[in-house]
């Protein structure tokens, strides 16, 4: 049986919070059709995915949408999938038929939400518009005027609008004004330099803490900074006491955390805390999630390629910090000036140079399904046994590792 790997793309609401995920089951990167085949919701594929991963932890308190078409045989395994956690996205390649319409009607009767992917208005879609809850429109393929025309034809149907392949804030803002309810794409990772950006005091404290821990300052000095920002201490101890470490006894203080985990492990959590300061509901912040997954992804990739602890630790730091300029609205060159970072991490973050830069570029290429870039990069490491399938495996493991952190 073909090995299938889990990926996901967040769908954001109008406040920029994660509303749901499109769940992607990939078998390789040969071409886009291969990705579609990898997620093809046959009974065996869905059954293997659901049984081999903790779905509720992967999507947390959000909903996950699984792609289906007329060949999916989804009714054979639907009892494995809770309707309050799972919905179905009808692929644009699906062959419309009475049998498929009957299947979708039964799914609706069972309580599942349905989404229509890559929608283009045609008369034969009318029966489906009466059934579905969401309509997704590819905004890269259509002009704003074309989309407005489509909306005028479907406004009488009770559907929520999802703009997909939103790659810039300009596009996001245009479709936000048009009244779209949800947005999917990589726009939230786009750096936006903000003039006169005010840095949050909590972030400034975390920069100070990062530098102190990186330089292994005395514990009493580190504790003193944490005491000024008690909410950071609470969040940090919450992270450390999560299921991630499966500690026999809870960590009760910053001193205890350093003694139990060591300075290097404490650095990880301080880095992740940097992404939690911009929102109280940081677990619904796609930037926090993506930075975390990148860190774990790069750590696994470095461990596979080089097998030494120092490189793996640097890879984690590079992955997490790769979105810090987006978080702060400050150029990356300015951000790294204030952090105690080794030169190879700086080069990777600013110029994508060196082995850390290569790994970061591969992680980004996997995420964006940039197959040509990925092929060129991964071929440099083929002598180490690196394959696209290995990268998919590491991505899946990184998502699952992030899911182990409890908040």
Protein backbone atom coordinates (compact mmCIF):
# COMPACT_ATOMS: atom_id res chain seq x y z
CA UNK A 1 0.00 0.00 0.00
CA UNK A 2 1.24 3.50 -0.86
CA UNK A 3 2.42 5.43 2.20
CA UNK A 4 0.26 8.50 2.81
CA UNK A 5 1.41 11.61 4.68
CA UNK A 6 -0.66 14.25 6.39
CA UNK A 7 -0.42 17.95 5.63
CA UNK A 8 -2.89 20.73 6.26
CA UNK A 9 -3.64 24.30 5.31
CA UNK A 10 -5.35 26.68 7.72
CA UNK A 11 -8.54 28.47 6.73
CA UNK A 12 -8.78 31.83 8.50
CA UNK A 13 -11.81 33.84 9.54
CA UNK A 14 -12.23 37.59 9.09
CA UNK A 15 -10.30 38.25 12.31
CA UNK A 16 -7.31 36.27 11.05
CA UNK A 17 -7.88 33.32 13.40
CA UNK A 18 -7.77 29.68 12.38
CA UNK A 19 -11.33 28.56 11.70
CA UNK A 20 -10.64 25.17 10.12
CA UNK A 21 -8.08 23.16 8.15
CA UNK A 22 -8.09 21.61 4.73
CA UNK A 23 -6.54 18.22 5.40
CA UNK A 24 -4.21 17.02 2.66
CA UNK A 25 -3.14 13.41 2.35
CA UNK A 26 -0.09 13.23 0.09
CA UNK A 27 1.78 10.30 -1.35
CA UNK A 28 4.50 12.27 -3.12
CA UNK A 29 5.44 15.39 -5.04
CA UNK A 30 5.56 14.03 -8.59
CA UNK A 31 2.88 16.43 -9.78
CA UNK A 32 -0.36 18.03 -8.65
CA UNK A 33 -2.36 15.00 -9.77
CA UNK A 34 -0.26 12.82 -7.50
CA UNK A 35 -1.17 15.08 -4.58
CA UNK A 36 -4.85 14.78 -5.49
CA UNK A 37 -4.51 11.00 -5.72
CA UNK A 38 -2.77 11.01 -2.35
CA UNK A 39 -5.76 12.69 -0.72
CA UNK A 40 -8.31 10.73 -2.73
CA UNK A 41 -10.81 9.76 -0.09
CA UNK A 42 -11.07 6.07 -0.75
CA UNK A 43 -12.15 4.01 2.21
CA UNK A 44 -8.70 2.52 2.78
CA UNK A 45 -6.83 5.83 2.70
CA UNK A 46 -9.13 7.58 5.15
CA UNK A 47 -9.24 4.56 7.42
CA UNK A 48 -5.44 4.34 7.55
CA UNK A 49 -5.06 8.06 8.27
CA UNK A 50 -7.70 8.17 10.98
CA UNK A 51 -6.38 5.06 12.69
CA UNK A 52 -2.71 6.10 12.55
CA UNK A 53 -2.99 9.69 13.79
CA UNK A 54 -4.82 11.36 16.63
CA UNK A 55 -7.16 13.43 14.49
CA UNK A 56 -8.63 15.38 17.39
CA UNK A 57 -5.17 16.53 18.42
CA UNK A 58 -4.12 17.36 14.86
CA UNK A 59 -7.06 19.73 14.36
CA UNK A 60 -7.48 20.60 18.06
CA UNK A 61 -10.84 22.36 18.56
CA UNK A 62 -11.15 23.27 14.87
CA UNK A 63 -12.81 21.45 11.98
CA UNK A 64 -10.95 19.51 9.31
CA UNK A 65 -12.14 19.26 5.70
CA UNK A 66 -11.27 16.15 3.67
CA UNK A 67 -11.29 16.25 -0.14
CA UNK A 68 -13.69 13.88 -1.87
CA UNK A 69 -14.95 13.16 -5.37
CA UNK A 70 -17.46 10.80 -6.93
CA UNK A 71 -15.12 7.80 -6.51
CA UNK A 72 -14.50 8.31 -2.81
CA UNK A 73 -16.76 5.61 -1.34
CA UNK A 74 -16.91 7.81 1.73
CA UNK A 75 -20.12 6.30 3.08
CA UNK A 76 -18.24 3.06 3.77
CA UNK A 77 -16.11 4.68 6.48
CA UNK A 78 -18.13 7.71 7.50
CA UNK A 79 -18.81 6.26 10.94
CA UNK A 80 -15.10 6.77 11.72
CA UNK A 81 -15.37 10.52 11.20
CA UNK A 82 -17.23 12.69 13.76
CA UNK A 83 -19.47 15.25 11.97
CA UNK A 84 -18.72 17.97 14.51
CA UNK A 85 -14.99 17.73 13.69
CA UNK A 86 -14.91 16.72 10.02
CA UNK A 87 -16.41 18.18 6.86
CA UNK A 88 -15.97 17.29 3.19
CA UNK A 89 -14.66 19.36 0.32
CA UNK A 90 -15.95 18.42 -3.12
CA UNK A 91 -13.05 18.56 -5.56
CA UNK A 92 -13.42 20.59 -8.73
CA UNK A 93 -12.51 17.43 -10.68
CA UNK A 94 -15.51 15.53 -9.32
CA UNK A 95 -17.86 14.13 -11.97
CA UNK A 96 -21.34 15.37 -11.17
CA UNK A 97 -24.00 12.67 -11.18
CA UNK A 98 -27.23 11.62 -9.48
CA UNK A 99 -25.36 8.97 -7.49
CA UNK A 100 -22.84 11.50 -6.19
CA UNK A 101 -25.63 13.93 -5.33
CA UNK A 102 -27.32 11.14 -3.35
CA UNK A 103 -24.06 10.53 -1.46
CA UNK A 104 -23.74 14.21 -0.58
CA UNK A 105 -27.37 14.35 0.52
CA UNK A 106 -26.77 11.43 2.89
CA UNK A 107 -23.68 13.15 4.30
CA UNK A 108 -25.73 16.27 4.99
CA UNK A 109 -28.41 14.17 6.68
CA UNK A 110 -25.69 12.68 8.90
CA UNK A 111 -24.66 16.19 9.98
CA UNK A 112 -21.52 16.78 7.88
CA UNK A 113 -20.75 20.20 6.42
CA UNK A 114 -19.87 20.38 2.72
CA UNK A 115 -17.65 22.74 0.77
CA UNK A 116 -17.51 23.19 -3.01
CA UNK A 117 -13.93 23.63 -4.21
CA UNK A 118 -12.71 25.91 -7.05
CA UNK A 119 -16.24 27.05 -7.79
CA UNK A 120 -17.23 28.40 -11.20
CA UNK A 121 -20.89 29.10 -11.81
CA UNK A 122 -22.65 26.64 -14.12
CA UNK A 123 -26.30 25.63 -14.22
CA UNK A 124 -25.49 22.01 -13.36
CA UNK A 125 -24.08 23.20 -10.01
CA UNK A 126 -27.45 24.47 -8.77
CA UNK A 127 -28.43 21.20 -7.00
CA UNK A 128 -25.07 21.30 -5.20
CA UNK A 129 -25.46 24.94 -4.18
CA UNK A 130 -28.64 23.93 -2.37
CA UNK A 131 -26.65 21.37 -0.35
CA UNK A 132 -23.26 22.90 0.44
CA UNK A 133 -22.35 25.17 3.33
CA UNK A 134 -19.26 26.78 1.78
CA UNK A 135 -18.22 27.86 -1.70
CA UNK A 136 -14.48 28.23 -2.36
CA UNK A 137 -13.29 30.50 -5.16
CA UNK A 138 -9.74 30.46 -6.52
CA UNK A 139 -8.84 34.15 -6.55
CA UNK A 140 -5.65 33.54 -8.53
CA UNK A 141 -7.67 32.18 -11.45
CA UNK A 142 -10.33 34.90 -11.52
CA UNK A 143 -10.37 38.68 -11.56
CA UNK A 144 -12.26 40.64 -8.94
CA UNK A 145 -14.87 41.55 -11.56
CA UNK A 146 -15.38 37.89 -12.50
CA UNK A 147 -15.82 36.97 -8.86
CA UNK A 148 -18.35 39.77 -8.34
CA UNK A 149 -20.34 38.39 -11.28
CA UNK A 150 -20.33 34.89 -9.72
CA UNK A 151 -21.46 36.28 -6.37
CA UNK A 152 -24.41 38.05 -7.98
CA UNK A 153 -25.59 34.68 -9.33
CA UNK A 154 -25.31 32.75 -6.06
CA UNK A 155 -26.36 35.39 -3.53
CA UNK A 156 -29.75 33.71 -3.04
CA UNK A 157 -28.08 30.56 -1.71
CA UNK A 158 -27.23 30.19 1.97
CA UNK A 159 -23.49 29.62 1.60
CA UNK A 160 -20.37 31.06 3.23
CA UNK A 161 -17.67 32.35 0.88
CA UNK A 162 -14.06 31.16 1.07
CA UNK A 163 -11.32 32.89 -0.93
CA UNK A 164 -8.52 30.42 -1.65
CA UNK A 165 -4.98 30.95 -2.94
CA UNK A 166 -4.82 34.33 -1.25
CA UNK A 167 -1.12 35.11 -1.56
CA UNK A 168 -0.92 38.77 -0.52
CA UNK A 169 -2.52 41.16 1.94
CA UNK A 170 -3.69 43.32 -0.96
CA UNK A 171 -5.74 40.41 -2.32
CA UNK A 172 -6.96 39.54 1.18
CA UNK A 173 -8.16 43.10 1.77
CA UNK A 174 -9.96 43.21 -1.60
CA UNK A 175 -11.95 40.06 -0.87
CA UNK A 176 -12.48 41.06 2.74
CA UNK A 177 -14.21 44.21 1.46
CA UNK A 178 -16.22 42.08 -0.96
CA UNK A 179 -17.71 40.25 2.04
CA UNK A 180 -15.88 36.92 1.97
CA UNK A 181 -16.15 35.04 5.25
CA UNK A 182 -12.97 32.93 5.17
CA UNK A 183 -9.52 33.00 3.57
CA UNK A 184 -6.99 30.33 2.63
CA UNK A 185 -3.47 30.96 1.35
CA UNK A 186 -0.03 32.09 2.45
CA UNK A 187 -0.81 35.81 2.73
CA UNK A 188 -0.49 35.73 6.52
CA UNK A 189 3.20 34.79 6.13
CA UNK A 190 3.95 37.83 3.98
CA UNK A 191 6.25 40.32 5.74
CA UNK A 192 4.72 43.77 6.05
CA UNK A 193 7.02 46.51 7.28
CA UNK A 194 5.05 48.81 9.57
CA UNK A 195 6.29 52.38 9.98
CA UNK A 196 6.84 53.35 13.64
CA UNK A 197 6.05 49.85 14.81
CA UNK A 198 5.83 49.69 18.61
CA UNK A 199 7.38 46.55 20.07
CA UNK A 200 5.31 44.94 22.82
CA UNK A 201 7.02 45.13 26.24
CA UNK A 202 6.50 41.37 26.65
CA UNK A 203 8.33 40.73 23.37
CA UNK A 204 11.23 42.97 24.45
CA UNK A 205 11.41 40.98 27.69
CA UNK A 206 11.50 37.72 25.73
CA UNK A 207 14.36 39.01 23.58
CA UNK A 208 16.24 39.81 26.78
CA UNK A 209 15.42 36.36 28.17
CA UNK A 210 16.44 34.63 24.96
CA UNK A 211 19.84 36.33 25.03
CA UNK A 212 20.34 35.53 28.72
CA UNK A 213 19.45 31.86 28.27
CA UNK A 214 21.53 31.57 25.08
CA UNK A 215 24.50 32.94 27.00
CA UNK A 216 23.63 30.73 30.02
CA UNK A 217 23.47 33.57 32.51
CA UNK A 218 22.91 32.79 36.18
CA UNK A 219 19.44 31.46 36.94
CA UNK A 220 18.69 34.19 39.47
CA UNK A 221 19.05 36.88 36.77
CA UNK A 222 16.74 34.99 34.40
CA UNK A 223 14.17 34.54 37.16
CA UNK A 224 14.23 38.27 37.88
CA UNK A 225 13.13 39.11 34.33
CA UNK A 226 10.37 36.50 34.38
CA UNK A 227 9.02 37.92 37.63
CA UNK A 228 8.44 41.27 35.92
CA UNK A 229 6.18 39.54 33.38
CA UNK A 230 4.27 36.95 35.36
CA UNK A 231 2.02 36.07 32.40
CA UNK A 232 5.09 34.86 30.50
CA UNK A 233 6.05 32.60 33.38
CA UNK A 234 2.55 31.12 33.41
CA UNK A 235 2.59 30.45 29.65
CA UNK A 236 6.08 29.00 29.72
CA UNK A 237 5.31 26.60 32.56
CA UNK A 238 2.07 25.64 30.81
CA UNK A 239 4.01 24.72 27.66
CA UNK A 240 6.61 22.72 29.56
CA UNK A 241 4.03 20.87 31.67
CA UNK A 242 2.06 19.85 28.58
CA UNK A 243 1.98 16.30 27.24
CA UNK A 244 5.00 17.20 25.11
CA UNK A 245 7.52 16.12 27.75
CA UNK A 246 5.37 13.64 29.70
CA UNK A 247 7.13 14.69 32.90
CA UNK A 248 6.59 12.58 36.01
CA UNK A 249 6.23 15.66 38.16
CA UNK A 250 5.09 19.15 37.14
CA UNK A 251 7.64 21.92 36.70
CA UNK A 252 6.76 24.57 39.28
CA UNK A 253 9.24 27.36 38.68
CA UNK A 254 11.62 28.83 36.11
CA UNK A 255 14.56 27.58 38.18
CA UNK A 256 13.04 24.10 38.17
CA UNK A 257 12.52 24.31 34.39
CA UNK A 258 16.18 25.13 33.75
CA UNK A 259 17.38 22.39 36.07
CA UNK A 260 15.02 19.82 34.52
CA UNK A 261 15.36 20.76 30.85
CA UNK A 262 18.61 22.67 30.56
CA UNK A 263 19.26 26.02 28.93
CA UNK A 264 19.08 24.74 25.33
CA UNK A 265 15.62 23.21 25.70
CA UNK A 266 14.35 26.29 27.51
CA UNK A 267 15.37 28.35 24.47
CA UNK A 268 12.78 26.51 22.35
CA UNK A 269 9.90 27.59 24.51
CA UNK A 270 11.08 31.18 24.82
CA UNK A 271 11.19 31.37 21.02
CA UNK A 272 7.63 30.05 20.74
CA UNK A 273 6.47 32.46 23.42
CA UNK A 274 7.55 35.33 21.16
CA UNK A 275 4.66 34.43 18.86
CA UNK A 276 2.14 34.32 21.69
CA UNK A 277 2.42 37.97 22.72
CA UNK A 278 0.37 39.49 19.90
CA UNK A 279 -2.86 37.66 20.73
CA UNK A 280 -4.56 36.24 23.80
CA UNK A 281 -5.97 33.47 21.61
CA UNK A 282 -2.55 32.59 20.22
CA UNK A 283 -3.50 28.94 19.64
CA UNK A 284 -5.76 30.18 16.81
CA UNK A 285 -2.96 32.34 15.41
CA UNK A 286 -1.70 30.76 12.15
CA UNK A 287 1.69 32.43 12.56
CA UNK A 288 2.27 30.81 15.96
CA UNK A 289 1.31 27.44 14.54
CA UNK A 290 3.41 27.74 11.39
CA UNK A 291 6.50 28.92 13.29
CA UNK A 292 6.17 25.98 15.67
CA UNK A 293 5.75 23.43 12.88
CA UNK A 294 8.69 24.90 10.96
CA UNK A 295 10.90 24.57 14.02
CA UNK A 296 10.01 20.92 14.58
CA UNK A 297 10.24 20.18 10.83
CA UNK A 298 13.73 21.67 10.54
CA UNK A 299 14.88 19.91 13.70
CA UNK A 300 13.88 16.54 12.23
CA UNK A 301 15.43 17.32 8.86
CA UNK A 302 18.72 18.37 10.48
CA UNK A 303 18.77 15.26 12.63
CA UNK A 304 18.33 13.11 9.51
CA UNK A 305 20.95 14.93 7.41
CA UNK A 306 23.62 15.60 10.04
CA UNK A 307 22.77 13.66 13.19
CA UNK A 308 24.38 16.05 15.66
CA UNK A 309 22.60 17.87 18.44
CA UNK A 310 24.09 21.30 17.77
CA UNK A 311 22.90 21.44 14.16
CA UNK A 312 19.44 20.19 15.14
CA UNK A 313 19.15 22.90 17.81
CA UNK A 314 20.24 25.57 15.35
CA UNK A 315 17.76 24.25 12.79
CA UNK A 316 14.90 24.54 15.28
CA UNK A 317 15.86 28.13 16.12
CA UNK A 318 16.11 29.01 12.42
CA UNK A 319 12.71 27.52 11.65
CA UNK A 320 10.90 29.30 14.48
CA UNK A 321 12.57 32.65 13.81
CA UNK A 322 11.94 32.49 10.05
CA UNK A 323 8.58 34.25 10.53
CA UNK A 324 9.58 36.68 13.26
CA UNK A 325 9.78 39.59 10.79
CA UNK A 326 6.14 38.93 9.88
CA UNK A 327 5.18 38.92 13.55
CA UNK A 328 6.86 42.23 14.28
CA UNK A 329 6.48 44.08 10.98
CA UNK A 330 10.22 44.78 11.09
CA UNK A 331 12.83 43.73 8.45
CA UNK A 332 14.63 40.51 9.35
CA UNK A 333 17.98 42.32 9.34
CA UNK A 334 16.73 44.55 12.15
CA UNK A 335 15.25 41.68 14.15
CA UNK A 336 18.40 39.55 14.25
CA UNK A 337 20.54 42.48 15.41
CA UNK A 338 18.89 42.25 18.81
CA UNK A 339 19.20 38.49 19.24
CA UNK A 340 22.24 36.55 20.34
CA UNK A 341 22.47 34.33 17.25
CA UNK A 342 25.36 32.49 15.67
CA UNK A 343 26.44 33.64 12.23
CA UNK A 344 25.12 30.60 10.34
CA UNK A 345 21.63 31.20 11.77
CA UNK A 346 21.80 34.86 10.76
CA UNK A 347 22.86 33.96 7.22
CA UNK A 348 20.05 31.42 6.90
CA UNK A 349 17.41 33.89 8.08
CA UNK A 350 18.55 36.85 6.01
CA UNK A 351 20.03 35.26 2.87
CA UNK A 352 18.96 31.58 2.96
CA UNK A 353 22.66 30.65 2.86
CA UNK A 354 24.50 27.61 4.18
CA UNK A 355 23.10 24.27 5.25
CA UNK A 356 20.56 25.93 7.55
CA UNK A 357 19.45 28.15 4.67
CA UNK A 358 19.05 25.10 2.42
CA UNK A 359 16.93 23.34 5.03
CA UNK A 360 14.75 26.41 5.54
CA UNK A 361 14.23 26.73 1.78
CA UNK A 362 13.24 23.05 1.58
CA UNK A 363 10.75 23.40 4.43
CA UNK A 364 9.16 26.41 2.74
CA UNK A 365 9.07 24.59 -0.61
CA UNK A 366 7.30 21.58 0.94
CA UNK A 367 4.73 23.84 2.51
CA UNK A 368 4.00 25.64 -0.76
CA UNK A 369 4.29 22.52 -2.94
CA UNK A 370 6.99 24.28 -4.97
CA UNK A 371 8.07 21.07 -6.66
CA UNK A 372 10.77 22.48 -8.95
CA UNK A 373 12.54 24.34 -6.14
CA UNK A 374 12.17 21.34 -3.88
CA UNK A 375 13.59 18.97 -6.48
CA UNK A 376 16.65 21.14 -7.06
CA UNK A 377 17.33 21.54 -3.34
CA UNK A 378 16.70 17.96 -2.24
CA UNK A 379 18.86 16.56 -5.06
CA UNK A 380 21.89 18.15 -3.36
CA UNK A 381 21.34 15.79 -0.44
CA UNK A 382 20.36 12.63 -2.31
CA UNK A 383 23.65 11.02 -1.24
CA UNK A 384 22.35 11.29 2.34
CA UNK A 385 19.17 9.44 1.40
CA UNK A 386 16.91 12.48 1.31
CA UNK A 387 13.80 12.06 -0.85
CA UNK A 388 10.58 14.07 -1.28
CA UNK A 389 8.79 11.31 0.60
CA UNK A 390 11.17 11.75 3.55
CA UNK A 391 10.36 15.46 3.61
CA UNK A 392 6.64 14.69 3.67
CA UNK A 393 7.26 12.29 6.53
CA UNK A 394 9.11 14.96 8.51
CA UNK A 395 6.33 17.47 7.86
CA UNK A 396 3.71 15.04 9.16
CA UNK A 397 5.82 14.30 12.24
CA UNK A 398 6.30 18.03 12.86
CA UNK A 399 2.54 18.63 12.73
CA UNK A 400 2.01 15.77 15.17
CA UNK A 401 4.76 17.08 17.47
CA UNK A 402 3.14 20.51 17.53
CA UNK A 403 -0.16 18.81 18.37
CA UNK A 404 1.44 17.32 21.48
CA UNK A 405 1.81 20.77 23.03
CA UNK A 406 -1.18 21.45 25.25
CA UNK A 407 -2.30 24.97 26.08
